[in-house]
PDB file of N, CA and C in Angstrom:
ATOM      1  N   MET A   1      15.967  -5.269   2.999  1.00  0.00           N
ATOM      2  CA  MET A   1      17.368  -5.793   3.129  1.00  0.00           C
ATOM      3  C   MET A   1      17.922  -4.987   4.366  1.00  0.00           C
ATOM      4  N   THR A   2      18.389  -5.714   5.351  1.00  0.00           N
ATOM      5  CA  THR A   2      19.130  -5.137   6.322  1.00  0.00           C
ATOM      6  C   THR A   2      20.371  -5.734   6.664  1.00  0.00           C
ATOM      7  N   ASN A   3      21.469  -4.904   7.181  1.00  0.00           N
ATOM      8  CA  ASN A   3      22.632  -5.488   7.671  1.00  0.00           C
ATOM      9  C   ASN A   3      22.997  -4.578   8.817  1.00  0.00           C
ATOM     10  N   GLU A   4      24.371  -4.421   9.209  1.00  0.00           N
ATOM     11  CA  GLU A   4      24.804  -3.749  10.492  1.00  0.00           C
ATOM     12  C   GLU A   4      24.574  -2.214  10.199  1.00  0.00           C
ATOM     13  N   THR A   5      24.496  -1.805   9.046  1.00  0.00           N
ATOM     14  CA  THR A   5      24.325  -0.329   8.773  1.00  0.00           C
ATOM     15  C   THR A   5      23.044   0.025   8.742  1.00  0.00           C
ATOM     16  N   TYR A   6      22.062  -0.645   8.420  1.00  0.00           N
ATOM     17  CA  TYR A   6      20.580  -0.397   8.068  1.00  0.00           C
ATOM     18  C   TYR A   6      19.786  -1.042   9.205  1.00  0.00           C
ATOM     19  N   ASP A   7      18.943  -0.152   9.778  1.00  0.00           N
ATOM     20  CA  ASP A   7      17.962  -0.732  10.677  1.00  0.00           C
ATOM     21  C   ASP A   7      16.881  -1.348  10.038  1.00  0.00           C
ATOM     22  N   GLU A   8      15.830  -2.043  10.644  1.00  0.00           N
ATOM     23  CA  GLU A   8      14.774  -2.633  10.244  1.00  0.00           C
ATOM     24  C   GLU A   8      13.828  -1.592   9.637  1.00  0.00           C
ATOM     25  N   PRO A   9      13.038  -1.806   8.509  1.00  0.00           N
ATOM     26  CA  PRO A   9      12.085  -0.932   8.138  1.00  0.00           C
ATOM     27  C   PRO A   9      10.943  -0.682   9.140  1.00  0.00           C
ATOM     28  N   VAL A  10      10.452   0.719   9.241  1.00  0.00           N
ATOM     29  CA  VAL A  10       9.564   0.967  10.246  1.00  0.00           C
ATOM     30  C   VAL A  10       8.190   1.405   9.309  1.00  0.00           C
ATOM     31  N   MET A  11       7.173   0.800   9.828  1.00  0.00           N
ATOM     32  CA  MET A  11       6.016   0.912   9.103  1.00  0.00           C
ATOM     33  C   MET A  11       5.330   2.117   9.684  1.00  0.00           C
ATOM     34  N   LEU A  12       4.878   3.134   8.700  1.00  0.00           N
ATOM     35  CA  LEU A  12       4.353   4.302   9.177  1.00  0.00           C
ATOM     36  C   LEU A  12       2.866   4.478   8.994  1.00  0.00           C
ATOM     37  N   ASP A  13       2.341   3.741   8.092  1.00  0.00           N
ATOM     38  CA  ASP A  13       0.821   3.601   7.840  1.00  0.00           C
ATOM     39  C   ASP A  13       0.497   2.357   6.947  1.00  0.00           C
ATOM     40  N   HIS A  14      -0.669   2.028   7.113  1.00  0.00           N
ATOM     41  CA  HIS A  14      -1.109   0.750   6.491  1.00  0.00           C
ATOM     42  C   HIS A  14      -2.524   0.706   6.326  1.00  0.00           C
ATOM     43  N   ARG A  15      -2.990   0.376   5.111  1.00  0.00           N
ATOM     44  CA  ARG A  15      -4.479   0.323   4.811  1.00  0.00           C
ATOM     45  C   ARG A  15      -4.758  -0.982   4.126  1.00  0.00           C
ATOM     46  N   GLU A  16      -5.845  -1.517   4.224  1.00  0.00           N
ATOM     47  CA  GLU A  16      -6.337  -2.807   3.867  1.00  0.00           C
ATOM     48  C   GLU A  16      -7.855  -2.679   3.295  1.00  0.00           C
ATOM     49  N   TRP A  17      -8.005  -3.385   2.216  1.00  0.00           N
ATOM     50  CA  TRP A  17      -9.397  -3.489   1.634  1.00  0.00           C
ATOM     51  C   TRP A  17      -9.554  -4.909   1.116  1.00  0.00           C
ATOM     52  N   SER A  18     -10.797  -5.497   1.447  1.00  0.00           N
ATOM     53  CA  SER A  18     -11.188  -6.764   0.922  1.00  0.00           C
ATOM     54  C   SER A  18     -12.085  -6.759   0.025  1.00  0.00           C
ATOM     55  N   ARG A  19     -11.869  -7.060  -1.182  1.00  0.00           N
ATOM     56  CA  ARG A  19     -12.863  -7.129  -2.372  1.00  0.00           C
ATOM     57  C   ARG A  19     -12.122  -8.048  -3.446  1.00  0.00           C
ATOM     58  N   ASP A  20     -12.624  -8.965  -3.958  1.00  0.00           N
ATOM     59  CA  ASP A  20     -12.057  -9.873  -4.880  1.00  0.00           C
ATOM     60  C   ASP A  20     -10.683 -10.167  -4.544  1.00  0.00           C
ATOM     61  N   GLY A  21     -10.562 -10.321  -3.181  1.00  0.00           N
ATOM     62  CA  GLY A  21      -9.021 -10.534  -2.761  1.00  0.00           C
ATOM     63  C   GLY A  21      -8.786  -9.398  -1.753  1.00  0.00           C
ATOM     64  N   THR A  22      -7.557  -9.298  -1.446  1.00  0.00           N
ATOM     65  CA  THR A  22      -7.209  -8.333  -0.639  1.00  0.00           C
ATOM     66  C   THR A  22      -6.173  -7.343  -1.212  1.00  0.00           C
ATOM     67  N   HIS A  23      -6.468  -5.979  -0.894  1.00  0.00           N
ATOM     68  CA  HIS A  23      -5.615  -4.957  -1.424  1.00  0.00           C
ATOM     69  C   HIS A  23      -5.031  -4.251  -0.234  1.00  0.00           C
ATOM     70  N   VAL A  24      -3.567  -4.269  -0.287  1.00  0.00           N
ATOM     71  CA  VAL A  24      -2.903  -3.713   0.926  1.00  0.00           C
ATOM     72  C   VAL A  24      -1.935  -2.521   0.319  1.00  0.00           C
ATOM     73  N   LEU A  25      -2.018  -1.489   1.089  1.00  0.00           N
ATOM     74  CA  LEU A  25      -1.135  -0.345   0.904  1.00  0.00           C
ATOM     75  C   LEU A  25      -0.561  -0.048   2.159  1.00  0.00           C
ATOM     76  N   THR A  26       0.940   0.105   2.161  1.00  0.00           N
ATOM     77  CA  THR A  26       1.896   0.051   3.270  1.00  0.00           C
ATOM     78  C   THR A  26       2.826   1.167   2.954  1.00  0.00           C
ATOM     79  N   LEU A  27       2.955   2.135   3.878  1.00  0.00           N
ATOM     80  CA  LEU A  27       4.099   3.265   3.847  1.00  0.00           C
ATOM     81  C   LEU A  27       4.994   2.747   4.980  1.00  0.00           C
ATOM     82  N   PHE A  28       6.218   2.905   4.387  1.00  0.00           N
ATOM     83  CA  PHE A  28       7.330   2.539   5.459  1.00  0.00           C
ATOM     84  C   PHE A  28       8.650   3.277   5.249  1.00  0.00           C
ATOM     85  N   HIS A  29       9.470   3.452   6.268  1.00  0.00           N
ATOM     86  CA  HIS A  29      10.811   4.229   6.210  1.00  0.00           C
ATOM     87  C   HIS A  29      11.796   3.117   6.601  1.00  0.00           C
ATOM     88  N   ARG A  30      12.880   3.563   5.720  1.00  0.00           N
ATOM     89  CA  ARG A  30      14.041   2.655   6.177  1.00  0.00           C
ATOM     90  C   ARG A  30      15.123   3.399   6.503  1.00  0.00           C
ATOM     91  N   PRO A  31      15.365   3.371   7.965  1.00  0.00           N
ATOM     92  CA  PRO A  31      16.310   4.252   8.604  1.00  0.00           C
ATOM     93  C   PRO A  31      17.685   4.076   8.032  1.00  0.00           C
ATOM     94  N   GLY A  32      18.588   5.140   7.946  1.00  0.00           N
ATOM     95  CA  GLY A  32      19.892   4.883   7.568  1.00  0.00           C
ATOM     96  C   GLY A  32      20.167   4.949   5.982  1.00  0.00           C
ATOM     97  N   TRP A  33      18.933   4.868   5.335  1.00  0.00           N
ATOM     98  CA  TRP A  33      19.000   4.905   3.769  1.00  0.00           C
ATOM     99  C   TRP A  33      19.043   6.457   3.498  1.00  0.00           C
ATOM    100  N   SER A  34      20.047   6.939   2.551  1.00  0.00           N
ATOM    101  CA  SER A  34      20.143   8.308   2.024  1.00  0.00           C
ATOM    102  C   SER A  34      19.083   8.558   0.793  1.00  0.00           C
ATOM    103  N   ASN A  35      18.952   7.428   0.142  1.00  0.00           N
ATOM    104  CA  ASN A  35      18.086   7.629  -1.056  1.00  0.00           C
ATOM    105  C   ASN A  35      16.941   6.553  -0.985  1.00  0.00           C
ATOM    106  N   ASN A  36      15.779   7.024  -1.418  1.00  0.00           N
ATOM    107  CA  ASN A  36      14.676   6.044  -1.611  1.00  0.00           C
ATOM    108  C   ASN A  36      14.288   5.404  -0.115  1.00  0.00           C
ATOM    109  N   ALA A  37      14.507   6.292   0.917  1.00  0.00           N
ATOM    110  CA  ALA A  37      14.215   5.996   2.329  1.00  0.00           C
ATOM    111  C   ALA A  37      12.884   5.600   2.615  1.00  0.00           C
ATOM    112  N   TRP A  38      11.853   6.302   1.910  1.00  0.00           N
ATOM    113  CA  TRP A  38      10.420   6.170   2.062  1.00  0.00           C
ATOM    114  C   TRP A  38       9.849   5.309   0.965  1.00  0.00           C
ATOM    115  N   GLN A  39       9.172   4.295   1.253  1.00  0.00           N
ATOM    116  CA  GLN A  39       8.635   3.307   0.341  1.00  0.00           C
ATOM    117  C   GLN A  39       7.194   2.929   0.351  1.00  0.00           C
ATOM    118  N   ILE A  40       6.462   2.837  -0.493  1.00  0.00           N
ATOM    119  CA  ILE A  40       4.988   2.314  -0.583  1.00  0.00           C
ATOM    120  C   ILE A  40       4.910   1.078  -1.133  1.00  0.00           C
ATOM    121  N   ARG A  41       4.456   0.125  -0.518  1.00  0.00           N
ATOM    122  CA  ARG A  41       4.152  -1.231  -1.112  1.00  0.00           C
ATOM    123  C   ARG A  41       2.687  -1.288  -1.365  1.00  0.00           C
ATOM    124  N   HIS A  42       2.402  -1.495  -2.534  1.00  0.00           N
ATOM    125  CA  HIS A  42       0.900  -1.659  -3.041  1.00  0.00           C
ATOM    126  C   HIS A  42       0.813  -3.015  -3.471  1.00  0.00           C
ATOM    127  N   HIS A  43      -0.004  -3.860  -2.918  1.00  0.00           N
ATOM    128  CA  HIS A  43      -0.147  -5.413  -3.213  1.00  0.00           C
ATOM    129  C   HIS A  43      -1.635  -5.883  -3.340  1.00  0.00           C
ATOM    130  N   HIS A  44      -1.833  -6.648  -4.296  1.00  0.00           N
ATOM    131  CA  HIS A  44      -3.260  -7.173  -4.328  1.00  0.00           C
ATOM    132  C   HIS A  44      -3.037  -8.634  -4.452  1.00  0.00           C
ATOM    133  N   ALA A  45      -3.646  -9.346  -3.524  1.00  0.00           N
ATOM    134  CA  ALA A  45      -3.768 -10.826  -3.509  1.00  0.00           C
ATOM    135  C   ALA A  45      -5.116 -11.223  -3.874  1.00  0.00           C
ATOM    136  N   TYR A  46      -5.165 -12.257  -4.810  1.00  0.00           N
ATOM    137  CA  TYR A  46      -6.434 -12.793  -5.356  1.00  0.00           C
ATOM    138  C   TYR A  46      -6.973 -13.880  -4.406  1.00  0.00           C
ATOM    139  N   GLU A  47      -8.329 -13.876  -4.290  1.00  0.00           N
ATOM    140  CA  GLU A  47      -8.903 -14.960  -3.588  1.00  0.00           C
ATOM    141  C   GLU A  47      -8.339 -16.285  -4.257  1.00  0.00           C
ATOM    142  N   GLY A  48      -8.145 -17.232  -3.417  1.00  0.00           N
ATOM    143  CA  GLY A  48      -7.646 -18.547  -4.039  1.00  0.00           C
ATOM    144  C   GLY A  48      -6.107 -18.618  -4.352  1.00  0.00           C
ATOM    145  N   GLY A  49      -5.522 -17.456  -4.292  1.00  0.00           N
ATOM    146  CA  GLY A  49      -3.938 -17.494  -4.552  1.00  0.00           C
ATOM    147  C   GLY A  49      -3.579 -16.549  -5.537  1.00  0.00           C
ATOM    148  N   GLY A  50      -2.267 -16.160  -5.734  1.00  0.00           N
ATOM    149  CA  GLY A  50      -1.778 -15.442  -6.509  1.00  0.00           C
ATOM    150  C   GLY A  50      -1.977 -13.956  -6.331  1.00  0.00           C
ATOM    151  N   GLY A  51      -1.399 -13.106  -7.136  1.00  0.00           N
ATOM    152  CA  GLY A  51      -1.422 -11.598  -6.893  1.00  0.00           C
ATOM    153  C   GLY A  51      -0.383 -10.863  -7.592  1.00  0.00           C
ATOM    154  N   PHE A  52      -0.307  -9.647  -7.321  1.00  0.00           N
ATOM    155  CA  PHE A  52       0.595  -8.792  -7.951  1.00  0.00           C
ATOM    156  C   PHE A  52       1.040  -7.651  -7.026  1.00  0.00           C
ATOM    157  N   GLY A  53       2.030  -6.923  -7.179  1.00  0.00           N
ATOM    158  CA  GLY A  53       2.356  -5.734  -6.349  1.00  0.00           C
ATOM    159  C   GLY A  53       3.476  -4.927  -6.916  1.00  0.00           C
ATOM    160  N   TYR A  54       3.557  -3.783  -6.433  1.00  0.00           N
ATOM    161  CA  TYR A  54       4.578  -2.897  -6.791  1.00  0.00           C
ATOM    162  C   TYR A  54       4.938  -1.885  -5.680  1.00  0.00           C
ATOM    163  N   ASN A  55       6.225  -1.515  -5.689  1.00  0.00           N
ATOM    164  CA  ASN A  55       6.782  -0.604  -4.739  1.00  0.00           C
ATOM    165  C   ASN A  55       6.963   0.794  -5.339  1.00  0.00           C
ATOM    166  N   SER A  56       6.801   1.854  -4.789  1.00  0.00           N
ATOM    167  CA  SER A  56       7.407   3.056  -5.179  1.00  0.00           C
ATOM    168  C   SER A  56       8.056   3.736  -4.045  1.00  0.00           C
ATOM    169  N   SER A  57       9.299   4.303  -4.551  1.00  0.00           N
ATOM    170  CA  SER A  57      10.326   4.873  -3.409  1.00  0.00           C
ATOM    171  C   SER A  57      10.315   6.490  -3.601  1.00  0.00           C
ATOM    172  N   PHE A  58      10.596   7.001  -2.516  1.00  0.00           N
ATOM    173  CA  PHE A  58      10.745   8.500  -2.480  1.00  0.00           C
ATOM    174  C   PHE A  58      11.879   8.923  -1.529  1.00  0.00           C
ATOM    175  N   ASN A  59      12.517  10.048  -1.951  1.00  0.00           N
ATOM    176  CA  ASN A  59      13.511  10.591  -1.174  1.00  0.00           C
ATOM    177  C   ASN A  59      13.025  11.412   0.049  1.00  0.00           C
ATOM    178  N   GLU A  60      11.773  12.009  -0.187  1.00  0.00           N
ATOM    179  CA  GLU A  60      11.172  12.992   0.933  1.00  0.00           C
ATOM    180  C   GLU A  60       9.999  12.355   1.545  1.00  0.00           C
ATOM    181  N   GLU A  61       9.857  12.352   2.694  1.00  0.00           N
ATOM    182  CA  GLU A  61       8.848  11.810   3.666  1.00  0.00           C
ATOM    183  C   GLU A  61       7.488  12.474   3.066  1.00  0.00           C
ATOM    184  N   SER A  62       7.433  13.724   2.912  1.00  0.00           N
ATOM    185  CA  SER A  62       6.224  14.473   2.534  1.00  0.00           C
ATOM    186  C   SER A  62       5.701  14.000   1.132  1.00  0.00           C
ATOM    187  N   GLU A  63       6.555  13.741   0.157  1.00  0.00           N
ATOM    188  CA  GLU A  63       6.125  13.141  -1.177  1.00  0.00           C
ATOM    189  C   GLU A  63       5.578  11.629  -0.930  1.00  0.00           C
ATOM    190  N   ALA A  64       6.172  10.937  -0.161  1.00  0.00           N
ATOM    191  CA  ALA A  64       5.706   9.606  -0.038  1.00  0.00           C
ATOM    192  C   ALA A  64       4.268   9.658   0.675  1.00  0.00           C
ATOM    193  N   ARG A  65       4.132  10.514   1.777  1.00  0.00           N
ATOM    194  CA  ARG A  65       2.876  10.658   2.500  1.00  0.00           C
ATOM    195  C   ARG A  65       1.744  11.066   1.394  1.00  0.00           C
ATOM    196  N   ALA A  66       2.026  12.170   0.569  1.00  0.00           N
ATOM    197  CA  ALA A  66       1.063  12.567  -0.393  1.00  0.00           C
ATOM    198  C   ALA A  66       0.710  11.454  -1.200  1.00  0.00           C
ATOM    199  N   TYR A  67       1.713  10.690  -1.768  1.00  0.00           N
ATOM    200  CA  TYR A  67       1.284   9.704  -2.804  1.00  0.00           C
ATOM    201  C   TYR A  67       0.404   8.690  -2.091  1.00  0.00           C
ATOM    202  N   PHE A  68       0.947   8.160  -0.691  1.00  0.00           N
ATOM    203  CA  PHE A  68       0.109   7.277  -0.064  1.00  0.00           C
ATOM    204  C   PHE A  68      -1.371   7.749  -0.035  1.00  0.00           C
ATOM    205  N   ALA A  69      -1.552   8.991   0.519  1.00  0.00           N
ATOM    206  CA  ALA A  69      -2.965   9.415   0.774  1.00  0.00           C
ATOM    207  C   ALA A  69      -3.832   9.598  -0.526  1.00  0.00           C
ATOM    208  N   LYS A  70      -3.252   9.835  -1.790  1.00  0.00           N
ATOM    209  CA  LYS A  70      -3.811   9.864  -2.930  1.00  0.00           C
ATOM    210  C   LYS A  70      -4.170   8.428  -3.296  1.00  0.00           C
ATOM    211  N   THR A  71      -3.287   7.508  -3.304  1.00  0.00           N
ATOM    212  CA  THR A  71      -3.545   6.184  -3.692  1.00  0.00           C
ATOM    213  C   THR A  71      -4.572   5.517  -2.646  1.00  0.00           C
ATOM    214  N   ALA A  72      -4.423   5.945  -1.289  1.00  0.00           N
ATOM    215  CA  ALA A  72      -5.576   5.410  -0.490  1.00  0.00           C
ATOM    216  C   ALA A  72      -6.896   5.914  -0.907  1.00  0.00           C
ATOM    217  N   GLU A  73      -7.048   7.267  -1.273  1.00  0.00           N
ATOM    218  CA  GLU A  73      -8.319   7.771  -1.696  1.00  0.00           C
ATOM    219  C   GLU A  73      -8.841   7.026  -2.947  1.00  0.00           C
ATOM    220  N   GLU A  74      -8.025   6.675  -3.835  1.00  0.00           N
ATOM    221  CA  GLU A  74      -8.415   6.063  -5.115  1.00  0.00           C
ATOM    222  C   GLU A  74      -9.005   4.633  -4.747  1.00  0.00           C
ATOM    223  N   GLU A  75      -8.182   3.960  -3.857  1.00  0.00           N
ATOM    224  CA  GLU A  75      -8.619   2.598  -3.356  1.00  0.00           C
ATOM    225  C   GLU A  75      -9.935   2.714  -2.707  1.00  0.00           C
ATOM    226  N   ASP A  76     -10.056   3.710  -1.697  1.00  0.00           N
ATOM    227  CA  ASP A  76     -11.470   3.952  -0.963  1.00  0.00           C
ATOM    228  C   ASP A  76     -12.522   4.046  -1.970  1.00  0.00           C
ATOM    229  N   ALA A  77     -12.420   4.856  -3.073  1.00  0.00           N
ATOM    230  CA  ALA A  77     -13.225   5.024  -4.113  1.00  0.00           C
ATOM    231  C   ALA A  77     -13.576   3.668  -4.832  1.00  0.00           C
ATOM    232  N   LYS A  78     -12.550   2.965  -5.254  1.00  0.00           N
ATOM    233  CA  LYS A  78     -12.819   1.641  -6.026  1.00  0.00           C
ATOM    234  C   LYS A  78     -13.637   0.657  -4.944  1.00  0.00           C
ATOM    235  N   HIS A  79     -13.355   0.803  -3.729  1.00  0.00           N
ATOM    236  CA  HIS A  79     -13.798  -0.190  -2.717  1.00  0.00           C
ATOM    237  C   HIS A  79     -15.431   0.205  -2.516  1.00  0.00           C
ATOM    238  N   ALA A  80     -15.629   1.413  -2.485  1.00  0.00           N
ATOM    239  CA  ALA A  80     -17.144   2.003  -2.224  1.00  0.00           C
ATOM    240  C   ALA A  80     -17.897   1.683  -3.632  1.00  0.00           C
ATOM    241  N   GLU A  81     -17.254   1.697  -4.816  1.00  0.00           N
ATOM    242  CA  GLU A  81     -17.859   1.378  -6.062  1.00  0.00           C
ATOM    243  C   GLU A  81     -18.088  -0.275  -6.078  1.00  0.00           C
ATOM    244  N   TRP A  82     -17.272  -0.898  -5.573  1.00  0.00           N
ATOM    245  CA  TRP A  82     -17.429  -2.519  -5.392  1.00  0.00           C
ATOM    246  C   TRP A  82     -18.562  -2.892  -4.471  1.00  0.00           C
ATOM    247  N   LEU A  83     -18.591  -2.077  -3.411  1.00  0.00           N
ATOM    248  CA  LEU A  83     -19.705  -2.510  -2.347  1.00  0.00           C
ATOM    249  C   LEU A  83     -21.193  -2.079  -2.917  1.00  0.00           C
ATOM    250  N   ALA A  84     -21.126  -0.909  -3.644  1.00  0.00           N
ATOM    251  CA  ALA A  84     -22.533  -0.466  -4.396  1.00  0.00           C
ATOM    252  C   ALA A  84     -22.884  -1.480  -5.387  1.00  0.00           C
ATOM    253  N   ASP A  85     -22.013  -1.840  -6.080  1.00  0.00           N
ATOM    254  CA  ASP A  85     -22.179  -2.943  -7.182  1.00  0.00           C
ATOM    255  C   ASP A  85     -22.607  -4.239  -6.623  1.00  0.00           C
ATOM    256  N   LYS A  86     -22.081  -4.648  -5.418  1.00  0.00           N
ATOM    257  CA  LYS A  86     -22.384  -5.929  -4.828  1.00  0.00           C
ATOM    258  C   LYS A  86     -23.720  -5.813  -4.226  1.00  0.00           C
ATOM    259  N   ALA A  87     -24.194  -4.568  -3.691  1.00  0.00           N
ATOM    260  CA  ALA A  87     -25.306  -4.363  -3.056  1.00  0.00           C
ATOM    261  C   ALA A  87     -26.504  -4.434  -4.043  1.00  0.00           C
ATOM    262  N   VAL A  88     -26.186  -3.776  -5.288  1.00  0.00           N
ATOM    263  CA  VAL A  88     -27.083  -3.942  -6.450  1.00  0.00           C
ATOM    264  C   VAL A  88     -27.464  -5.378  -6.923  1.00  0.00           C
ATOM    265  N   LYS A  89     -26.432  -6.095  -6.869  1.00  0.00           N
ATOM    266  CA  LYS A  89     -26.428  -7.520  -7.398  1.00  0.00           C
ATOM    267  C   LYS A  89     -27.146  -8.296  -6.132  1.00  0.00           C
ATOM    268  N   GLY A  90     -27.223  -7.919  -5.155  1.00  0.00           N
ATOM    269  CA  GLY A  90     -27.765  -8.647  -3.772  1.00  0.00           C
ATOM    270  C   GLY A  90     -26.913  -9.754  -3.507  1.00  0.00           C
ATOM    271  N   ALA A  91     -25.616  -9.554  -3.529  1.00  0.00           N
ATOM    272  CA  ALA A  91     -24.730 -10.630  -3.284  1.00  0.00           C
ATOM    273  C   ALA A  91     -24.222 -10.400  -1.768  1.00  0.00           C
TER     274      ALA A  91
END
């Protein structure tokens, strides 16, 4: 949401994984916000449509970056597991 008081959100980091759809993790900052100024959007879009997502908000940039890094590491592990499973099945 933007208006005269708030600037457009600024994307600080973005990661994307493709497996059974697309997983997206985006960290952004909302200039001018005093609370929850750093937000992370984690979204999963299924192949063929549909999906789900959630947003986490933080007051401190360091907290947001730490959460982003932890979540990206978890998604990297899930993706590696998916790739290994796919290789075993020969797909």
